[in-house]
Amino acid sequence: MTRFSANLGFLWNDRPLPDAIRAAKSAGFDAVECHWPYDIPAAEVAAALSETGLGMLGLNTRRGDVAAGENGLSALVGRENEAREAIDEALDYARQTGTGKVHVMAGFAQGEAAHACFISALRYACDKAAPLGISILIEPLNHYDAPGYFLSTTTQAQQIIAEVDRPNLNLMFDCYHVQLMEGDLSHRLEKLMPLIGHIQFASVPDRGPPDSGEINYAHIFDVVARLGFDAPLGAEYKSTQKTDETLGWMTELRA
């Protein structure tokens, strides 16, 4: 049976993170994940996870100066110290909450210097994470939502993972982003499965609940199961409705 994780960056994001964790449990999710939990003490999140019995699958490193439009630091030349501080912070929060994966955000940058900067940051993150039993994730973002983001395709991610050469570096395969940039999800999942550490989903093109749009998620989830990926899949979608009013897809797609 397919299992699902609620991404609390989008779902129930109108309430404090501990309450969102409880709402996810009540709705029948098998796990949770989040974006940037740092305003909430880790002890409060850990308590809510313990109370509900849910695991926190992943969280992101900080974006940087959000008011200035930043979306990650690790590929920004000249910001190496801040990037490492953000990695350290994320790993410590993950350690305190039992979170198994940290997504290291690259940021808006291009060119060879940015590439070298990102590689260095990822090696640092992987080496710091390994003794903690934590995996590092990188995620290609589409150029409609995040124009100029350093990492935009799975081919680029595959090359970076090979260059970093650390066993705890994996790909976050977000079906929404990959469909917009590359398409051919079934074949890409099959090709990339050995590198995939987490899978997320939303409808395309509107990033809404997965029961509309151009992706047949019943088929995609069958492919994922056939390939042997059995971890919870991350529901990371936006909606104009309250989260509880958008969950009709869970019954059909859980089969």
C-alpha atoms as a PDB file:
ATOM      1  CA  MET A   1       0.000   0.000   0.000  1.00  0.00           C
ATOM      2  CA  THR A   2       1.306   3.433  -0.942  1.00  0.00           C
ATOM      3  CA  ARG A   3       2.193   5.605   2.027  1.00  0.00           C
ATOM      4  CA  PHE A   4       2.101   9.392   2.091  1.00  0.00           C
ATOM      5  CA  SER A   5       3.957  12.185   3.850  1.00  0.00           C
ATOM      6  CA  ALA A   6       2.369  15.597   4.392  1.00  0.00           C
ATOM      7  CA  ASN A   7       4.630  18.481   3.463  1.00  0.00           C
ATOM      8  CA  LEU A   8       3.747  21.002   6.139  1.00  0.00           C
ATOM      9  CA  GLY A   9       5.350  23.836   4.254  1.00  0.00           C
ATOM     10  CA  PHE A  10       2.143  23.864   2.188  1.00  0.00           C
ATOM     11  CA  LEU A  11      -0.392  21.657   4.012  1.00  0.00           C
ATOM     12  CA  TRP A  12      -1.903  23.091   7.212  1.00  0.00           C
ATOM     13  CA  ASN A  13       0.567  25.967   7.008  1.00  0.00           C
ATOM     14  CA  ASP A  14      -2.013  28.232   8.634  1.00  0.00           C
ATOM     15  CA  ARG A  15      -1.217  26.775  12.062  1.00  0.00           C
ATOM     16  CA  PRO A  16       1.893  26.213  14.197  1.00  0.00           C
ATOM     17  CA  LEU A  17       4.048  23.293  13.094  1.00  0.00           C
ATOM     18  CA  PRO A  18       3.263  21.056  16.105  1.00  0.00           C
ATOM     19  CA  ASP A  19      -0.468  21.498  15.430  1.00  0.00           C
ATOM     20  CA  ALA A  20       0.081  20.807  11.730  1.00  0.00           C
ATOM     21  CA  ILE A  21       1.793  17.541  12.671  1.00  0.00           C
ATOM     22  CA  ARG A  22      -1.257  16.559  14.730  1.00  0.00           C
ATOM     23  CA  ALA A  23      -3.574  17.479  11.844  1.00  0.00           C
ATOM     24  CA  ALA A  24      -1.558  15.288   9.467  1.00  0.00           C
ATOM     25  CA  LYS A  25      -1.904  12.372  11.852  1.00  0.00           C
ATOM     26  CA  SER A  26      -5.659  12.897  12.126  1.00  0.00           C
ATOM     27  CA  ALA A  27      -5.956  13.000   8.338  1.00  0.00           C
ATOM     28  CA  GLY A  28      -4.243   9.631   7.956  1.00  0.00           C
ATOM     29  CA  PHE A  29      -0.778  10.599   6.720  1.00  0.00           C
ATOM     30  CA  ASP A  30       2.039   8.191   7.473  1.00  0.00           C
ATOM     31  CA  ALA A  31       4.789  10.789   7.950  1.00  0.00           C
ATOM     32  CA  VAL A  32       5.472  14.506   7.673  1.00  0.00           C
ATOM     33  CA  GLU A  33       8.124  16.781   6.206  1.00  0.00           C
ATOM     34  CA  CYS A  34       8.633  20.529   6.291  1.00  0.00           C
ATOM     35  CA  HIS A  35      10.462  23.451   4.724  1.00  0.00           C
ATOM     36  CA  TRP A  36      11.970  25.812   7.298  1.00  0.00           C
ATOM     37  CA  PRO A  37      10.929  24.893  10.855  1.00  0.00           C
ATOM     38  CA  TYR A  38      13.463  27.062  12.650  1.00  0.00           C
ATOM     39  CA  ASP A  39      11.038  29.495  14.302  1.00  0.00           C
ATOM     40  CA  ILE A  40       9.644  26.603  16.360  1.00  0.00           C
ATOM     41  CA  PRO A  41      11.872  25.088  19.059  1.00  0.00           C
ATOM     42  CA  ALA A  42      13.003  21.632  18.019  1.00  0.00           C
ATOM     43  CA  ALA A  43      11.830  20.215  21.344  1.00  0.00           C
ATOM     44  CA  GLU A  44       8.226  21.223  20.566  1.00  0.00           C
ATOM     45  CA  VAL A  45       8.371  19.553  17.161  1.00  0.00           C
ATOM     46  CA  ALA A  46       9.972  16.445  18.628  1.00  0.00           C
ATOM     47  CA  ALA A  47       7.205  16.265  21.248  1.00  0.00           C
ATOM     48  CA  ALA A  48       4.481  16.456  18.600  1.00  0.00           C
ATOM     49  CA  LEU A  49       6.203  13.769  16.554  1.00  0.00           C
ATOM     50  CA  SER A  50       6.451  11.538  19.607  1.00  0.00           C
ATOM     51  CA  GLU A  51       2.809  12.157  20.513  1.00  0.00           C
ATOM     52  CA  THR A  52       1.549  11.251  17.035  1.00  0.00           C
ATOM     53  CA  GLY A  53       4.048   8.534  16.216  1.00  0.00           C
ATOM     54  CA  LEU A  54       4.875  10.217  12.905  1.00  0.00           C
ATOM     55  CA  GLY A  55       8.399  10.598  11.580  1.00  0.00           C
ATOM     56  CA  MET A  56       9.761  13.815  10.096  1.00  0.00           C
ATOM     57  CA  LEU A  57      11.261  12.769   6.774  1.00  0.00           C
ATOM     58  CA  GLY A  58      13.036  15.942   5.746  1.00  0.00           C
ATOM     59  CA  LEU A  59      13.631  19.661   6.113  1.00  0.00           C
ATOM     60  CA  ASN A  60      15.423  22.381   4.154  1.00  0.00           C
ATOM     61  CA  THR A  61      18.406  24.576   4.848  1.00  0.00           C
ATOM     62  CA  ARG A  62      17.530  28.244   5.215  1.00  0.00           C
ATOM     63  CA  ARG A  63      16.957  30.316   2.093  1.00  0.00           C
ATOM     64  CA  GLY A  64      19.038  33.315   3.153  1.00  0.00           C
ATOM     65  CA  ASP A  65      17.610  36.837   2.842  1.00  0.00           C
ATOM     66  CA  VAL A  66      14.007  36.039   2.015  1.00  0.00           C
ATOM     67  CA  ALA A  67      13.061  39.721   1.690  1.00  0.00           C
ATOM     68  CA  ALA A  68      15.687  40.041  -1.038  1.00  0.00           C
ATOM     69  CA  GLY A  69      14.291  36.975  -2.823  1.00  0.00           C
ATOM     70  CA  GLU A  70      17.035  34.502  -1.942  1.00  0.00           C
ATOM     71  CA  ASN A  71      16.263  30.798  -2.156  1.00  0.00           C
ATOM     72  CA  GLY A  72      19.318  29.033  -0.790  1.00  0.00           C
ATOM     73  CA  LEU A  73      22.960  29.827  -0.169  1.00  0.00           C
ATOM     74  CA  SER A  74      25.110  26.864  -1.069  1.00  0.00           C
ATOM     75  CA  ALA A  75      25.969  27.854  -4.658  1.00  0.00           C
ATOM     76  CA  LEU A  76      26.509  31.543  -3.875  1.00  0.00           C
ATOM     77  CA  VAL A  77      30.141  32.550  -4.228  1.00  0.00           C
ATOM     78  CA  GLY A  78      31.230  34.671  -1.281  1.00  0.00           C
ATOM     79  CA  ARG A  79      28.523  33.277   1.002  1.00  0.00           C
ATOM     80  CA  GLU A  80      30.320  30.057   1.893  1.00  0.00           C
ATOM     81  CA  ASN A  81      30.422  30.694   5.636  1.00  0.00           C
ATOM     82  CA  GLU A  82      26.705  31.478   5.777  1.00  0.00           C
ATOM     83  CA  ALA A  83      25.969  28.372   3.746  1.00  0.00           C
ATOM     84  CA  ARG A  84      27.917  26.202   6.163  1.00  0.00           C
ATOM     85  CA  GLU A  85      26.169  27.815   9.129  1.00  0.00           C
ATOM     86  CA  ALA A  86      22.814  27.021   7.505  1.00  0.00           C
ATOM     87  CA  ILE A  87      23.889  23.423   6.947  1.00  0.00           C
ATOM     88  CA  ASP A  88      25.049  23.095  10.552  1.00  0.00           C
ATOM     89  CA  GLU A  89      21.759  24.546  11.791  1.00  0.00           C
ATOM     90  CA  ALA A  90      19.691  22.195   9.652  1.00  0.00           C
ATOM     91  CA  LEU A  91      21.664  19.146  10.726  1.00  0.00           C
ATOM     92  CA  ASP A  92      21.327  20.050  14.381  1.00  0.00           C
ATOM     93  CA  TYR A  93      17.561  20.564  14.019  1.00  0.00           C
ATOM     94  CA  ALA A  94      17.303  17.262  12.173  1.00  0.00           C
ATOM     95  CA  ARG A  95      19.272  15.516  14.911  1.00  0.00           C
ATOM     96  CA  GLN A  96      16.987  16.882  17.620  1.00  0.00           C
ATOM     97  CA  THR A  97      13.802  15.906  15.773  1.00  0.00           C
ATOM     98  CA  GLY A  98      14.913  12.549  14.384  1.00  0.00           C
ATOM     99  CA  THR A  99      14.692  13.841  10.822  1.00  0.00           C
ATOM    100  CA  GLY A 100      16.543  11.606   8.382  1.00  0.00           C
ATOM    101  CA  LYS A 101      17.108  13.921   5.402  1.00  0.00           C
ATOM    102  CA  VAL A 102      18.225  17.510   4.870  1.00  0.00           C
ATOM    103  CA  HIS A 103      17.675  19.298   1.576  1.00  0.00           C
ATOM    104  CA  VAL A 104      20.614  21.631   0.907  1.00  0.00           C
ATOM    105  CA  MET A 105      19.288  24.534  -1.144  1.00  0.00           C
ATOM    106  CA  ALA A 106      21.580  25.866  -3.855  1.00  0.00           C
ATOM    107  CA  GLY A 107      20.139  29.322  -4.499  1.00  0.00           C
ATOM    108  CA  PHE A 108      20.074  31.614  -7.511  1.00  0.00           C
ATOM    109  CA  ALA A 109      23.451  31.415  -9.243  1.00  0.00           C
ATOM    110  CA  GLN A 110      25.003  30.234 -12.495  1.00  0.00           C
ATOM    111  CA  GLY A 111      28.425  29.399 -13.860  1.00  0.00           C
ATOM    112  CA  GLU A 112      31.509  27.394 -13.033  1.00  0.00           C
ATOM    113  CA  ALA A 113      32.304  29.234  -9.810  1.00  0.00           C
ATOM    114  CA  ALA A 114      28.800  28.568  -8.498  1.00  0.00           C
ATOM    115  CA  HIS A 115      29.158  24.906  -9.462  1.00  0.00           C
ATOM    116  CA  ALA A 116      32.429  24.586  -7.526  1.00  0.00           C
ATOM    117  CA  CYS A 117      30.871  26.385  -4.571  1.00  0.00           C
ATOM    118  CA  PHE A 118      27.907  24.018  -4.520  1.00  0.00           C
ATOM    119  CA  ILE A 119      30.120  20.934  -4.781  1.00  0.00           C
ATOM    120  CA  SER A 120      32.192  22.125  -1.816  1.00  0.00           C
ATOM    121  CA  ALA A 121      29.107  22.846   0.273  1.00  0.00           C
ATOM    122  CA  LEU A 122      27.619  19.434  -0.485  1.00  0.00           C
ATOM    123  CA  ARG A 123      30.796  17.602   0.464  1.00  0.00           C
ATOM    124  CA  TYR A 124      30.838  19.559   3.706  1.00  0.00           C
ATOM    125  CA  ALA A 125      27.172  18.722   4.365  1.00  0.00           C
ATOM    126  CA  CYS A 126      27.583  15.034   3.573  1.00  0.00           C
ATOM    127  CA  ASP A 127      30.656  14.668   5.758  1.00  0.00           C
ATOM    128  CA  LYS A 128      28.948  16.423   8.680  1.00  0.00           C
ATOM    129  CA  ALA A 129      25.735  14.426   8.207  1.00  0.00           C
ATOM    130  CA  ALA A 130      27.267  10.967   7.895  1.00  0.00           C
ATOM    131  CA  PRO A 131      28.090  10.431  11.605  1.00  0.00           C
ATOM    132  CA  LEU A 132      24.520  11.473  12.421  1.00  0.00           C
ATOM    133  CA  GLY A 133      22.999   8.933  10.036  1.00  0.00           C
ATOM    134  CA  ILE A 134      21.443  11.758   7.998  1.00  0.00           C
ATOM    135  CA  SER A 135      21.198  11.867   4.199  1.00  0.00           C
ATOM    136  CA  ILE A 136      21.628  15.017   2.135  1.00  0.00           C
ATOM    137  CA  LEU A 137      19.202  15.794  -0.686  1.00  0.00           C
ATOM    138  CA  ILE A 138      19.433  18.077  -3.706  1.00  0.00           C
ATOM    139  CA  GLU A 139      16.347  19.057  -5.698  1.00  0.00           C
ATOM    140  CA  PRO A 140      16.060  20.456  -9.230  1.00  0.00           C
ATOM    141  CA  LEU A 141      13.550  23.328  -9.346  1.00  0.00           C
ATOM    142  CA  ASN A 142      11.711  24.333 -12.511  1.00  0.00           C
ATOM    143  CA  HIS A 143      12.542  27.614 -14.212  1.00  0.00           C
ATOM    144  CA  TYR A 144       8.939  28.827 -14.201  1.00  0.00           C
ATOM    145  CA  ASP A 145       8.679  28.983 -10.406  1.00  0.00           C
ATOM    146  CA  ALA A 146      12.375  29.542  -9.708  1.00  0.00           C
ATOM    147  CA  PRO A 147      14.036  31.220 -12.702  1.00  0.00           C
ATOM    148  CA  GLY A 148      17.791  31.326 -12.254  1.00  0.00           C
ATOM    149  CA  TYR A 149      17.940  28.611  -9.609  1.00  0.00           C
ATOM    150  CA  PHE A 150      21.281  26.833  -9.898  1.00  0.00           C
ATOM    151  CA  LEU A 151      19.895  23.284 -10.125  1.00  0.00           C
ATOM    152  CA  SER A 152      17.116  22.768 -12.652  1.00  0.00           C
ATOM    153  CA  THR A 153      17.294  19.263 -14.177  1.00  0.00           C
ATOM    154  CA  THR A 154      17.785  15.702 -13.045  1.00  0.00           C
ATOM    155  CA  THR A 155      20.670  15.340 -15.525  1.00  0.00           C
ATOM    156  CA  GLN A 156      22.517  18.159 -13.778  1.00  0.00           C
ATOM    157  CA  ALA A 157      21.694  16.632 -10.382  1.00  0.00           C
ATOM    158  CA  GLN A 158      23.000  13.246 -11.502  1.00  0.00           C
ATOM    159  CA  GLN A 159      26.295  14.818 -12.562  1.00  0.00           C
ATOM    160  CA  ILE A 160      26.616  16.679  -9.256  1.00  0.00           C
ATOM    161  CA  ILE A 161      25.939  13.544  -7.221  1.00  0.00           C
ATOM    162  CA  ALA A 162      28.651  11.711  -9.155  1.00  0.00           C
ATOM    163  CA  GLU A 163      31.131  14.542  -8.654  1.00  0.00           C
ATOM    164  CA  VAL A 164      30.471  14.967  -4.934  1.00  0.00           C
ATOM    165  CA  ASP A 165      30.991  11.210  -4.554  1.00  0.00           C
ATOM    166  CA  ARG A 166      29.442  10.714  -1.138  1.00  0.00           C
ATOM    167  CA  PRO A 167      27.159   7.742  -0.358  1.00  0.00           C
ATOM    168  CA  ASN A 168      24.706   9.866   1.648  1.00  0.00           C
ATOM    169  CA  LEU A 169      23.922  12.341  -1.167  1.00  0.00           C
ATOM    170  CA  ASN A 170      20.636  11.645  -2.947  1.00  0.00           C
ATOM    171  CA  LEU A 171      18.183  13.171  -5.375  1.00  0.00           C
ATOM    172  CA  MET A 172      14.865  14.661  -4.303  1.00  0.00           C
ATOM    173  CA  PHE A 173      12.644  13.737  -7.245  1.00  0.00           C
ATOM    174  CA  ASP A 174       9.736  16.186  -7.240  1.00  0.00           C
ATOM    175  CA  CYS A 175       7.354  15.009  -9.958  1.00  0.00           C
ATOM    176  CA  TYR A 176       5.949  18.532 -10.342  1.00  0.00           C
ATOM    177  CA  HIS A 177       9.321  20.130 -11.086  1.00  0.00           C
ATOM    178  CA  VAL A 178      10.581  17.242 -13.227  1.00  0.00           C
ATOM    179  CA  GLN A 179       7.436  17.150 -15.359  1.00  0.00           C
ATOM    180  CA  LEU A 180       7.661  20.873 -16.074  1.00  0.00           C
ATOM    181  CA  MET A 181      11.341  20.730 -17.002  1.00  0.00           C
ATOM    182  CA  GLU A 182      11.808  17.300 -18.564  1.00  0.00           C
ATOM    183  CA  GLY A 183       8.672  15.163 -18.619  1.00  0.00           C
ATOM    184  CA  ASP A 184       8.899  11.401 -19.239  1.00  0.00           C
ATOM    185  CA  LEU A 185       8.445  10.689 -15.529  1.00  0.00           C
ATOM    186  CA  SER A 186       8.175   6.905 -15.744  1.00  0.00           C
ATOM    187  CA  HIS A 187      11.443   6.441 -17.595  1.00  0.00           C
ATOM    188  CA  ARG A 188      13.243   9.032 -15.478  1.00  0.00           C
ATOM    189  CA  LEU A 189      12.119   7.318 -12.289  1.00  0.00           C
ATOM    190  CA  GLU A 190      13.381   3.995 -13.605  1.00  0.00           C
ATOM    191  CA  LYS A 191      16.736   5.448 -14.661  1.00  0.00           C
ATOM    192  CA  LEU A 192      17.309   7.517 -11.529  1.00  0.00           C
ATOM    193  CA  MET A 193      15.843   5.265  -8.838  1.00  0.00           C
ATOM    194  CA  PRO A 194      19.273   4.225  -7.444  1.00  0.00           C
ATOM    195  CA  LEU A 195      19.935   7.912  -6.693  1.00  0.00           C
ATOM    196  CA  ILE A 196      16.509   8.892  -5.351  1.00  0.00           C
ATOM    197  CA  GLY A 197      16.183   9.597  -1.646  1.00  0.00           C
ATOM    198  CA  HIS A 198      12.710  11.121  -1.607  1.00  0.00           C
ATOM    199  CA  ILE A 199       9.788  11.623  -4.015  1.00  0.00           C
ATOM    200  CA  GLN A 200       7.300  14.498  -3.938  1.00  0.00           C
ATOM    201  CA  PHE A 201       4.204  15.192  -6.008  1.00  0.00           C
ATOM    202  CA  ALA A 202       1.599  17.769  -6.991  1.00  0.00           C
ATOM    203  CA  SER A 203      -0.577  18.357 -10.017  1.00  0.00           C
ATOM    204  CA  VAL A 204       0.866  19.961 -13.135  1.00  0.00           C
ATOM    205  CA  PRO A 205       0.695  22.750 -14.159  1.00  0.00           C
ATOM    206  CA  ASP A 206      -1.039  24.391 -11.182  1.00  0.00           C
ATOM    207  CA  ARG A 207       0.775  22.615  -8.300  1.00  0.00           C
ATOM    208  CA  GLY A 208      -2.566  21.682  -6.775  1.00  0.00           C
ATOM    209  CA  PRO A 209      -3.821  18.378  -5.323  1.00  0.00           C
ATOM    210  CA  PRO A 210      -2.803  15.340  -7.403  1.00  0.00           C
ATOM    211  CA  ASP A 211      -6.288  14.393  -8.600  1.00  0.00           C
ATOM    212  CA  SER A 212      -6.239  16.844 -11.518  1.00  0.00           C
ATOM    213  CA  GLY A 213      -3.832  18.052 -14.178  1.00  0.00           C
ATOM    214  CA  GLU A 214      -1.673  16.268 -16.729  1.00  0.00           C
ATOM    215  CA  ILE A 215      -0.002  13.598 -14.555  1.00  0.00           C
ATOM    216  CA  ASN A 216      -1.702  10.250 -13.968  1.00  0.00           C
ATOM    217  CA  TYR A 217      -0.467   9.669 -10.432  1.00  0.00           C
ATOM    218  CA  ALA A 218      -2.132   6.265 -10.108  1.00  0.00           C
ATOM    219  CA  HIS A 219       0.217   5.133 -12.869  1.00  0.00           C
ATOM    220  CA  ILE A 220       3.252   6.985 -11.466  1.00  0.00           C
ATOM    221  CA  PHE A 221       2.783   5.489  -8.016  1.00  0.00           C
ATOM    222  CA  ASP A 222       2.475   2.028  -9.561  1.00  0.00           C
ATOM    223  CA  VAL A 223       5.814   2.632 -11.300  1.00  0.00           C
ATOM    224  CA  VAL A 224       7.383   3.763  -8.026  1.00  0.00           C
ATOM    225  CA  ALA A 225       6.126   0.647  -6.227  1.00  0.00           C
ATOM    226  CA  ARG A 226       7.317  -1.636  -9.021  1.00  0.00           C
ATOM    227  CA  LEU A 227      10.771  -0.115  -8.757  1.00  0.00           C
ATOM    228  CA  GLY A 228      10.885  -0.998  -5.063  1.00  0.00           C
ATOM    229  CA  PHE A 229      10.648   2.467  -3.525  1.00  0.00           C
ATOM    230  CA  ASP A 230       8.514   1.975  -0.409  1.00  0.00           C
ATOM    231  CA  ALA A 231       9.107   5.127   1.657  1.00  0.00           C
ATOM    232  CA  PRO A 232       6.226   7.597   2.082  1.00  0.00           C
ATOM    233  CA  LEU A 233       5.704   9.904  -0.904  1.00  0.00           C
ATOM    234  CA  GLY A 234       5.597  13.613  -0.153  1.00  0.00           C
ATOM    235  CA  ALA A 235       2.378  15.538  -0.846  1.00  0.00           C
ATOM    236  CA  GLU A 236       3.737  19.009  -1.552  1.00  0.00           C
ATOM    237  CA  TYR A 237       0.893  20.893  -3.181  1.00  0.00           C
ATOM    238  CA  LYS A 238      -0.844  24.239  -2.885  1.00  0.00           C
ATOM    239  CA  SER A 239      -4.572  24.851  -2.709  1.00  0.00           C
ATOM    240  CA  THR A 240      -7.004  27.719  -2.365  1.00  0.00           C
ATOM    241  CA  GLN A 241      -9.114  25.466  -0.126  1.00  0.00           C
ATOM    242  CA  LYS A 242      -8.433  24.423   3.443  1.00  0.00           C
ATOM    243  CA  THR A 243      -6.155  21.384   3.514  1.00  0.00           C
ATOM    244  CA  ASP A 244      -8.800  19.098   5.004  1.00  0.00           C
ATOM    245  CA  GLU A 245     -11.055  19.845   2.015  1.00  0.00           C
ATOM    246  CA  THR A 246      -8.410  18.699  -0.508  1.00  0.00           C
ATOM    247  CA  LEU A 247      -7.675  15.162   0.675  1.00  0.00           C
ATOM    248  CA  GLY A 248     -10.109  13.131  -1.404  1.00  0.00           C
ATOM    249  CA  TRP A 249      -7.219  11.879  -3.539  1.00  0.00           C
ATOM    250  CA  MET A 250      -5.721   9.904  -0.636  1.00  0.00           C
ATOM    251  CA  THR A 251      -8.223   7.053  -0.725  1.00  0.00           C
ATOM    252  CA  GLU A 252      -7.928   6.387  -4.447  1.00  0.00           C
ATOM    253  CA  LEU A 253      -4.151   6.795  -4.700  1.00  0.00           C
ATOM    254  CA  ARG A 254      -3.344   4.824  -1.569  1.00  0.00           C
ATOM    255  CA  ALA A 255      -4.411   1.590  -3.261  1.00  0.00           C
END
